[in-house]
Amino acid sequence: MTRAPAHEATGDLPLPGRLLAVATRMFAEKGFENTSVQEIVDAAGVTKGAMYHYFGSKDDLLYEIYHRLLRLQMSRLERIADGPGSAGERLRAAAVDVLDTSFRHLDDFTVFFRSTHLLSRDHREAVRAERRRYHERFRALVQEGQREGAFRDRTPADIAVHFFFGTVHQIGSWYRQDGPLDTAAISEHYVDLFLNGLRS
């Protein structure tokens, strides 16, 4: 099936959102280094001047892709972590959610783990700080479950969290939409393996 031109497929979005959507798709398909500003504005149906009104550089576009995904996942994690239920129930919900949002924003996710090293130093440090805050909040749920006795404490919470996110971060390298399992089933398998490894 032929893909609609980017400016048609994203025509209902405000201009900054349209530029981000086009850049995200192109960075995921071609790579950040292989995508020019001219290609982005042509695909979005705008001028370079219009793009530079909102984004000072291609690096700013890349950073906003990271920041947007991290902001979404952090707000959802905070809502889950501060919500009702036991630590185990909230950890399960948080683990399912990070997988769900990663699948729903797969292009963002793919760009995230392929191009972090290409960000400017300031942007790279900002992204790392945001990721660290997310992981620390997630780890706090593991530690809460350990204190409650729901999870064994002989496995350090840091190791458990790094293990889980290490597997999640590989999704973009193997997942295919036409594969035998849908995203909900994959998420359940991932979360079951993670939580079963923590339980007393």
Protein backbone atom coordinates (compact mmCIF):
# COMPACT_ATOMS: atom_id res chain seq x y z
CA MET A 1 0.00 0.00 0.00
CA THR A 2 1.34 3.46 -0.89
CA ARG A 3 1.83 5.74 2.09
CA ALA A 4 0.05 9.09 1.87
CA PRO A 5 2.31 12.14 1.68
CA ALA A 6 3.30 13.22 5.15
CA HIS A 7 1.66 16.63 4.89
CA GLU A 8 -1.64 14.94 4.00
CA ALA A 9 -1.40 12.26 6.69
CA THR A 10 -0.63 14.88 9.37
CA GLY A 11 -2.60 17.77 7.90
CA ASP A 12 -4.91 18.12 10.90
CA LEU A 13 -2.05 18.66 13.34
CA PRO A 14 -0.81 22.12 14.37
CA LEU A 15 2.40 23.00 12.54
CA PRO A 16 4.83 22.04 15.35
CA GLY A 17 3.04 18.71 15.78
CA ARG A 18 3.11 18.08 12.04
CA LEU A 19 6.85 18.74 11.88
CA LEU A 20 7.45 16.43 14.84
CA ALA A 21 5.31 13.67 13.35
CA VAL A 22 7.12 13.86 10.02
CA ALA A 23 10.57 14.06 11.61
CA THR A 24 9.81 11.13 13.91
CA ARG A 25 8.70 8.93 11.03
CA MET A 26 11.67 9.88 8.86
CA PHE A 27 14.23 9.47 11.66
CA ALA A 28 12.78 6.02 12.41
CA GLU A 29 12.83 4.98 8.75
CA LYS A 30 16.07 6.56 7.52
CA GLY A 31 17.99 7.49 10.64
CA PHE A 32 18.67 10.95 12.05
CA GLU A 33 21.97 11.39 10.23
CA ASN A 34 20.47 10.40 6.87
CA THR A 35 17.53 12.80 7.06
CA SER A 36 18.02 16.41 6.01
CA VAL A 37 16.06 19.44 7.16
CA GLN A 38 15.02 19.98 3.55
CA GLU A 39 13.51 16.50 3.39
CA ILE A 40 11.58 17.11 6.61
CA VAL A 41 10.08 20.42 5.49
CA ASP A 42 9.28 19.06 2.02
CA ALA A 43 7.47 16.07 3.54
CA ALA A 44 5.63 18.31 6.00
CA GLY A 45 4.66 20.74 3.24
CA VAL A 46 6.21 23.79 4.95
CA THR A 47 9.20 26.07 4.47
CA LYS A 48 12.47 26.02 6.39
CA GLY A 49 11.54 29.40 7.82
CA ALA A 50 8.35 27.92 9.26
CA MET A 51 10.28 25.08 10.84
CA TYR A 52 12.93 27.35 12.33
CA HIS A 53 10.18 29.45 13.87
CA TYR A 54 9.43 26.50 16.17
CA PHE A 55 12.65 24.47 16.19
CA GLY A 56 16.08 26.04 16.02
CA SER A 57 17.72 22.98 14.49
CA LYS A 58 17.31 19.34 13.57
CA ASP A 59 18.80 18.55 16.99
CA ASP A 60 15.91 20.44 18.61
CA LEU A 61 13.46 18.22 16.74
CA LEU A 62 15.28 15.12 17.93
CA TYR A 63 15.31 16.34 21.52
CA GLU A 64 11.60 17.11 21.45
CA ILE A 65 10.88 13.54 20.31
CA TYR A 66 12.69 12.26 23.40
CA HIS A 67 11.20 14.83 25.73
CA ARG A 68 7.67 14.21 24.47
CA LEU A 69 7.86 10.44 25.03
CA LEU A 70 9.53 10.77 28.44
CA ARG A 71 7.01 13.39 29.55
CA LEU A 72 4.12 11.13 28.54
CA GLN A 73 5.53 8.06 30.28
CA MET A 74 6.51 9.97 33.42
CA SER A 75 3.08 11.52 33.86
CA ARG A 76 1.45 8.12 33.46
CA LEU A 77 3.88 6.46 35.85
CA GLU A 78 3.27 9.09 38.53
CA ARG A 79 -0.48 8.62 38.21
CA ILE A 80 -0.15 4.84 38.58
CA ALA A 81 2.44 4.97 41.38
CA ASP A 82 0.34 7.41 43.41
CA GLY A 83 -2.88 5.53 42.74
CA PRO A 84 -4.70 2.79 44.64
CA GLY A 85 -3.63 -0.83 45.05
CA SER A 86 -0.74 -2.74 46.51
CA ALA A 87 2.81 -2.09 45.41
CA GLY A 88 2.70 -5.28 43.34
CA GLU A 89 -0.50 -4.22 41.59
CA ARG A 90 0.86 -0.75 40.85
CA LEU A 91 4.17 -2.16 39.63
CA ARG A 92 2.35 -4.49 37.25
CA ALA A 93 0.26 -1.58 35.95
CA ALA A 94 3.38 0.56 35.51
CA ALA A 95 5.25 -2.21 33.68
CA VAL A 96 2.30 -2.84 31.36
CA ASP A 97 1.98 0.89 30.74
CA VAL A 98 5.60 1.45 29.71
CA LEU A 99 5.26 -1.39 27.20
CA ASP A 100 1.91 -0.12 25.96
CA THR A 101 3.17 3.43 25.40
CA SER A 102 6.32 2.11 23.74
CA PHE A 103 4.27 0.06 21.27
CA ARG A 104 1.83 2.91 20.66
CA HIS A 105 4.69 5.30 19.92
CA LEU A 106 7.00 2.81 18.26
CA ASP A 107 8.62 5.32 15.89
CA ASP A 108 9.45 7.61 18.83
CA PHE A 109 10.72 4.61 20.75
CA THR A 110 12.88 3.45 17.83
CA VAL A 111 14.40 6.90 17.39
CA PHE A 112 14.95 7.15 21.14
CA PHE A 113 17.24 4.16 21.37
CA ARG A 114 18.93 4.55 18.01
CA SER A 115 19.95 8.19 18.16
CA THR A 116 20.49 9.31 21.78
CA HIS A 117 24.23 9.60 21.20
CA LEU A 118 23.60 12.05 18.35
CA LEU A 119 21.99 14.68 20.56
CA SER A 120 23.97 17.74 21.55
CA ARG A 121 25.69 17.39 24.91
CA ASP A 122 23.17 19.60 26.77
CA HIS A 123 20.20 17.80 25.29
CA ARG A 124 21.77 14.39 25.92
CA GLU A 125 22.33 15.23 29.57
CA ALA A 126 18.77 16.52 29.91
CA VAL A 127 17.37 13.30 28.44
CA ARG A 128 19.51 11.17 30.71
CA ALA A 129 18.29 13.13 33.73
CA GLU A 130 14.67 12.61 32.69
CA ARG A 131 15.23 8.89 32.16
CA ARG A 132 16.93 8.64 35.54
CA ARG A 133 13.93 10.24 37.25
CA TYR A 134 11.63 7.77 35.54
CA HIS A 135 13.73 4.77 36.53
CA GLU A 136 14.02 6.01 40.12
CA ARG A 137 10.23 6.31 40.42
CA PHE A 138 9.80 2.84 38.93
CA ARG A 139 12.48 1.44 41.25
CA ALA A 140 10.68 2.93 44.25
CA LEU A 141 7.70 0.68 43.45
CA VAL A 142 9.96 -2.37 43.45
CA GLN A 143 11.45 -1.32 46.78
CA GLU A 144 8.00 -0.71 48.24
CA GLY A 145 6.97 -4.23 47.23
CA GLN A 146 10.14 -5.61 48.80
CA ARG A 147 9.39 -3.86 52.09
CA GLU A 148 5.86 -5.26 52.04
CA GLY A 149 7.21 -8.78 51.47
CA ALA A 150 5.57 -9.15 48.04
CA PHE A 151 8.99 -9.34 46.35
CA ARG A 152 12.17 -10.97 47.57
CA ASP A 153 14.81 -8.51 48.66
CA ARG A 154 17.87 -10.58 47.81
CA THR A 155 17.64 -9.20 44.25
CA PRO A 156 18.66 -5.52 44.36
CA ALA A 157 15.89 -3.27 43.02
CA ASP A 158 18.42 -1.54 40.74
CA ILE A 159 19.31 -4.84 39.06
CA ALA A 160 15.66 -5.76 38.61
CA VAL A 161 14.84 -2.40 37.03
CA HIS A 162 17.89 -2.43 34.72
CA PHE A 163 17.03 -5.98 33.66
CA PHE A 164 13.43 -5.08 32.85
CA PHE A 165 14.22 -1.93 30.90
CA GLY A 166 17.12 -3.61 29.15
CA THR A 167 14.65 -6.10 27.64
CA VAL A 168 12.07 -3.41 26.89
CA HIS A 169 14.63 -1.32 25.04
CA GLN A 170 15.25 -4.17 22.58
CA ILE A 171 11.65 -4.26 21.35
CA GLY A 172 12.30 -1.96 18.40
CA SER A 173 14.99 -4.31 17.08
CA TRP A 174 12.73 -7.35 16.67
CA TYR A 175 9.03 -6.45 16.91
CA ARG A 176 7.01 -6.69 13.69
CA GLN A 177 3.36 -5.72 13.37
CA ASP A 178 2.65 -8.81 11.28
CA GLY A 179 4.16 -11.16 13.88
CA PRO A 180 2.25 -14.00 15.59
CA LEU A 181 1.59 -12.09 18.86
CA ASP A 182 -0.24 -8.82 19.34
CA THR A 183 1.26 -6.13 21.55
CA ALA A 184 -1.01 -6.91 24.51
CA ALA A 185 0.16 -10.54 24.56
CA ILE A 186 3.82 -9.52 24.28
CA SER A 187 3.37 -7.07 27.16
CA GLU A 188 1.80 -9.74 29.36
CA HIS A 189 4.68 -12.15 28.70
CA TYR A 190 7.26 -9.46 29.48
CA VAL A 191 5.53 -8.39 32.69
CA ASP A 192 4.96 -11.96 33.87
CA LEU A 193 8.64 -12.80 33.40
CA PHE A 194 9.66 -9.63 35.25
CA LEU A 195 7.31 -10.04 38.21
CA ASN A 196 7.80 -13.80 38.55
CA GLY A 197 11.50 -13.15 38.93
CA LEU A 198 10.82 -10.75 41.81
CA ARG A 199 8.24 -12.70 43.78
CA SER A 200 9.11 -14.40 47.04
